Protein backbone atom coordinates (compact mmCIF):
# COMPACT_ATOMS: atom_id res chain seq x y z
CA UNK A 1 -1.94 94.79 124.56
CA UNK A 2 -2.06 91.87 127.14
CA UNK A 3 0.45 89.02 127.50
CA UNK A 4 -0.01 86.05 129.40
CA UNK A 5 2.48 83.48 130.64
CA UNK A 6 2.41 80.43 132.74
CA UNK A 7 2.11 82.04 136.04
CA UNK A 8 1.76 85.86 135.15
CA UNK A 9 -1.08 88.08 133.45
CA UNK A 10 0.57 91.26 132.04
CA UNK A 11 -1.64 93.86 131.39
CA UNK A 12 -1.85 97.84 131.19
CA UNK A 13 -2.70 99.67 134.59
CA UNK A 14 -5.73 101.57 135.26
CA UNK A 15 -7.03 104.10 137.75
CA UNK A 16 -8.49 101.55 139.93
CA UNK A 17 -5.30 99.51 140.13
CA UNK A 18 -3.68 102.60 142.23
CA UNK A 19 -4.09 101.13 145.74
CA UNK A 20 -2.69 97.61 144.52
CA UNK A 21 0.33 99.35 142.86
CA UNK A 22 0.84 101.72 145.87
CA UNK A 23 0.69 98.49 148.21
CA UNK A 24 3.21 96.43 146.15
CA UNK A 25 5.76 99.25 145.15
CA UNK A 26 6.05 101.25 148.36
CA UNK A 27 9.23 99.91 149.46
CA UNK A 28 12.52 101.70 149.41
CA UNK A 29 14.38 98.41 148.59
CA UNK A 30 12.50 98.40 145.30
CA UNK A 31 12.19 102.05 144.38
CA UNK A 32 16.40 102.76 144.89
CA UNK A 33 16.87 100.24 142.12
CA UNK A 34 14.38 102.25 139.82
CA UNK A 35 15.54 105.56 137.85
CA UNK A 36 12.45 107.66 138.17
CA UNK A 37 10.01 106.29 140.77
CA UNK A 38 10.26 108.85 144.04
CA UNK A 39 11.31 107.71 147.32
CA UNK A 40 8.85 107.92 149.33
CA UNK A 41 6.20 106.55 147.41
CA UNK A 42 2.85 107.66 147.87
CA UNK A 43 -0.56 106.70 146.67
CA UNK A 44 -0.62 109.74 144.50
CA UNK A 45 2.65 108.44 142.50
CA UNK A 46 1.19 105.78 141.73
CA UNK A 47 -2.33 107.43 140.62
CA UNK A 48 0.37 109.85 138.29
CA UNK A 49 1.84 106.65 136.99
CA UNK A 50 -1.15 105.03 135.67
CA UNK A 51 -2.44 108.35 134.40
CA UNK A 52 0.79 108.44 132.22
CA UNK A 53 -0.30 108.22 128.34
CA UNK A 54 2.09 105.83 126.55
CA UNK A 55 2.91 104.99 123.18
CA UNK A 56 2.16 101.87 121.84
CA UNK A 57 5.71 101.09 121.02
CA UNK A 58 6.55 101.76 124.72
CA UNK A 59 3.83 99.30 126.55
CA UNK A 60 3.94 99.10 130.58
CA UNK A 61 2.34 96.14 132.00
CA UNK A 62 1.66 95.56 135.67
CA UNK A 63 2.41 91.74 136.37
CA UNK A 64 -0.66 90.01 138.06
CA UNK A 65 0.18 86.47 139.79
CA UNK A 66 -2.41 84.21 138.56
CA UNK A 67 -4.06 82.24 140.71
CA UNK A 68 -7.10 79.83 141.76
CA UNK A 69 -8.69 83.12 142.91
CA UNK A 70 -8.28 87.06 142.07
CA UNK A 71 -4.87 87.67 140.43
CA UNK A 72 -2.30 89.37 142.75
CA UNK A 73 -0.61 92.40 141.63
CA UNK A 74 3.19 91.60 142.19
CA UNK A 75 5.10 93.99 139.73
CA UNK A 76 5.60 95.98 136.71
CA UNK A 77 7.55 95.62 133.68
CA UNK A 78 7.80 97.32 130.50
CA UNK A 79 9.37 99.42 127.64
CA UNK A 80 10.37 102.61 127.85
CA UNK A 81 12.61 105.59 126.36
CA UNK A 82 16.22 105.30 127.24
CA UNK A 83 18.69 108.44 127.72
CA UNK A 84 20.84 107.18 124.43
CA UNK A 85 17.52 107.18 122.61
CA UNK A 86 17.00 103.23 122.55
CA UNK A 87 14.19 101.18 123.87
CA UNK A 88 14.94 99.94 127.32
CA UNK A 89 13.50 97.05 129.11
CA UNK A 90 12.57 97.72 132.79
CA UNK A 91 10.94 95.65 135.84
CA UNK A 92 10.34 95.69 139.51
CA UNK A 93 9.04 93.03 141.58
CA UNK A 94 7.42 93.09 145.43
CA UNK A 95 9.73 91.60 147.89
CA UNK A 96 7.63 88.76 148.68
CA UNK A 97 7.94 87.77 145.54
CA UNK A 98 11.82 87.74 144.76
CA UNK A 99 13.83 84.89 143.80
CA UNK A 100 10.85 82.63 142.50
CA UNK A 101 11.57 83.78 138.77
CA UNK A 102 8.82 85.97 138.18
CA UNK A 103 11.06 88.75 136.74
CA UNK A 104 12.37 86.39 134.39
CA UNK A 105 9.37 85.27 133.17
CA UNK A 106 7.87 88.81 132.72
CA UNK A 107 11.00 89.90 130.79
CA UNK A 108 10.84 86.92 128.45
CA UNK A 109 7.50 87.91 127.85
CA UNK A 110 8.37 91.40 127.14
CA UNK A 111 11.29 90.54 125.00
CA UNK A 112 8.77 88.53 122.89
CA UNK A 113 6.66 91.42 122.55
CA UNK A 114 9.03 93.50 121.55
CA UNK A 115 10.22 90.94 118.64
CA UNK A 116 6.95 89.81 117.52
CA UNK A 117 4.57 92.41 118.23
CA UNK A 118 6.42 95.45 117.91
CA UNK A 119 9.39 94.34 115.32
CA UNK A 120 12.20 95.63 117.22
CA UNK A 121 15.66 94.52 116.53
CA UNK A 122 17.67 95.66 120.10
CA UNK A 123 16.85 96.56 123.24
CA UNK A 124 19.25 97.98 126.16
CA UNK A 125 18.68 97.72 129.92
CA UNK A 126 20.56 98.35 132.80
CA UNK A 127 21.06 97.74 136.52
CA UNK A 128 22.46 99.79 139.38
CA UNK A 129 25.76 97.71 140.37
CA UNK A 130 24.40 97.09 143.51
CA UNK A 131 21.68 94.96 142.48
CA UNK A 132 23.27 92.21 140.71
CA UNK A 133 20.11 90.00 141.01
CA UNK A 134 18.66 92.14 137.90
CA UNK A 135 21.66 91.58 136.11
CA UNK A 136 21.13 87.79 136.17
CA UNK A 137 17.44 88.40 135.20
CA UNK A 138 18.86 89.87 131.98
CA UNK A 139 21.47 87.39 131.16
CA UNK A 140 18.60 84.80 131.80
CA UNK A 141 16.68 86.49 128.73
CA UNK A 142 19.55 86.83 126.48
CA UNK A 143 20.94 90.32 127.29
CA UNK A 144 24.68 90.94 127.00
CA UNK A 145 26.97 93.38 129.13
CA UNK A 146 28.19 96.00 127.00
CA UNK A 147 31.06 96.39 129.15
CA UNK A 148 30.06 100.25 130.23
CA UNK A 149 29.42 101.10 133.48
CA UNK A 150 27.62 104.77 133.40
CA UNK A 151 26.17 107.18 136.45
CA UNK A 152 22.68 107.23 136.00
CA UNK A 153 20.09 109.23 138.10
CA UNK A 154 17.71 107.51 140.55
CA UNK A 155 15.06 109.48 141.93
CA UNK A 156 14.34 106.85 144.90
CA UNK A 157 18.07 107.48 146.03
CA UNK A 158 17.98 111.03 144.90
CA UNK A 159 21.49 110.74 143.63
CA UNK A 160 23.51 109.18 140.85
CA UNK A 161 24.65 105.76 141.02
CA UNK A 162 26.95 103.42 138.88
CA UNK A 163 24.41 101.39 136.29
CA UNK A 164 25.85 98.35 134.38
CA UNK A 165 24.68 98.15 130.96
CA UNK A 166 23.29 95.55 128.85
CA UNK A 167 22.02 95.02 125.29
CA UNK A 168 19.96 92.26 123.69
CA UNK A 169 19.60 91.52 119.71
CA UNK A 170 15.78 90.61 119.98
CA UNK A 171 15.83 88.76 116.60
CA UNK A 172 18.38 86.15 118.43
CA UNK A 173 15.52 85.77 121.11
CA UNK A 174 14.49 82.01 121.68
CA UNK A 175 10.97 82.33 122.70
CA UNK A 176 10.01 79.77 125.61
CA UNK A 177 6.11 78.46 126.59
CA UNK A 178 3.55 80.68 125.11
CA UNK A 179 5.73 83.94 125.37
CA UNK A 180 5.95 83.44 121.74
CA UNK A 181 2.39 84.20 121.78
CA UNK A 182 2.32 86.49 124.82
CA UNK A 183 1.12 89.82 122.80
CA UNK A 184 -2.82 89.34 122.38
CA UNK A 185 -5.40 92.27 121.90
CA UNK A 186 -7.94 93.04 124.41
CA UNK A 187 -10.80 91.22 122.49
CA UNK A 188 -8.72 87.78 122.52
CA UNK A 189 -7.69 88.40 126.23
CA UNK A 190 -11.63 89.16 127.34
CA UNK A 191 -12.48 86.07 125.18
CA UNK A 192 -10.05 83.68 126.39
CA UNK A 193 -11.11 84.95 130.17
CA UNK A 194 -14.79 84.25 129.57
């Protein structure tokens, strides 16, 4: 599955993406805000992440900034399992691209895919409380705080940390731009690029 927004191409990761993925995520400021990525993060970790089999109901996308030249890998976003057996939105953006709206744009596309392609009714998400910028992204795309703050393990920190929980009624999500048509098959994406 692929998706395209005004500024991003969201696509699955392939083995040859490992060096670019490693270069984008190998920053403690990113990894400490993720639950499962270890620190220090290595090229072998990037290779293992890309080799992980994923269900069609748990898509993960590398985020490529669309440029006039070759697209540039700037982050990752997707849907995955949650400790409470719910579907969770997760994302990260490389530091040079923080504050430019890319996380919001990617999250909008993923919520659109959850609604239109996967036909999900609800998503959950969370952010470690010392990363309030992630909470602002969630609120911008329609997530509401549940009022719960729970302890959640962060492999990058090697410890538990307080995590503020959010949820989103996906059926209430209002698509923006071409996010409503975000999900496309490989054939469509290939034909559009040609």
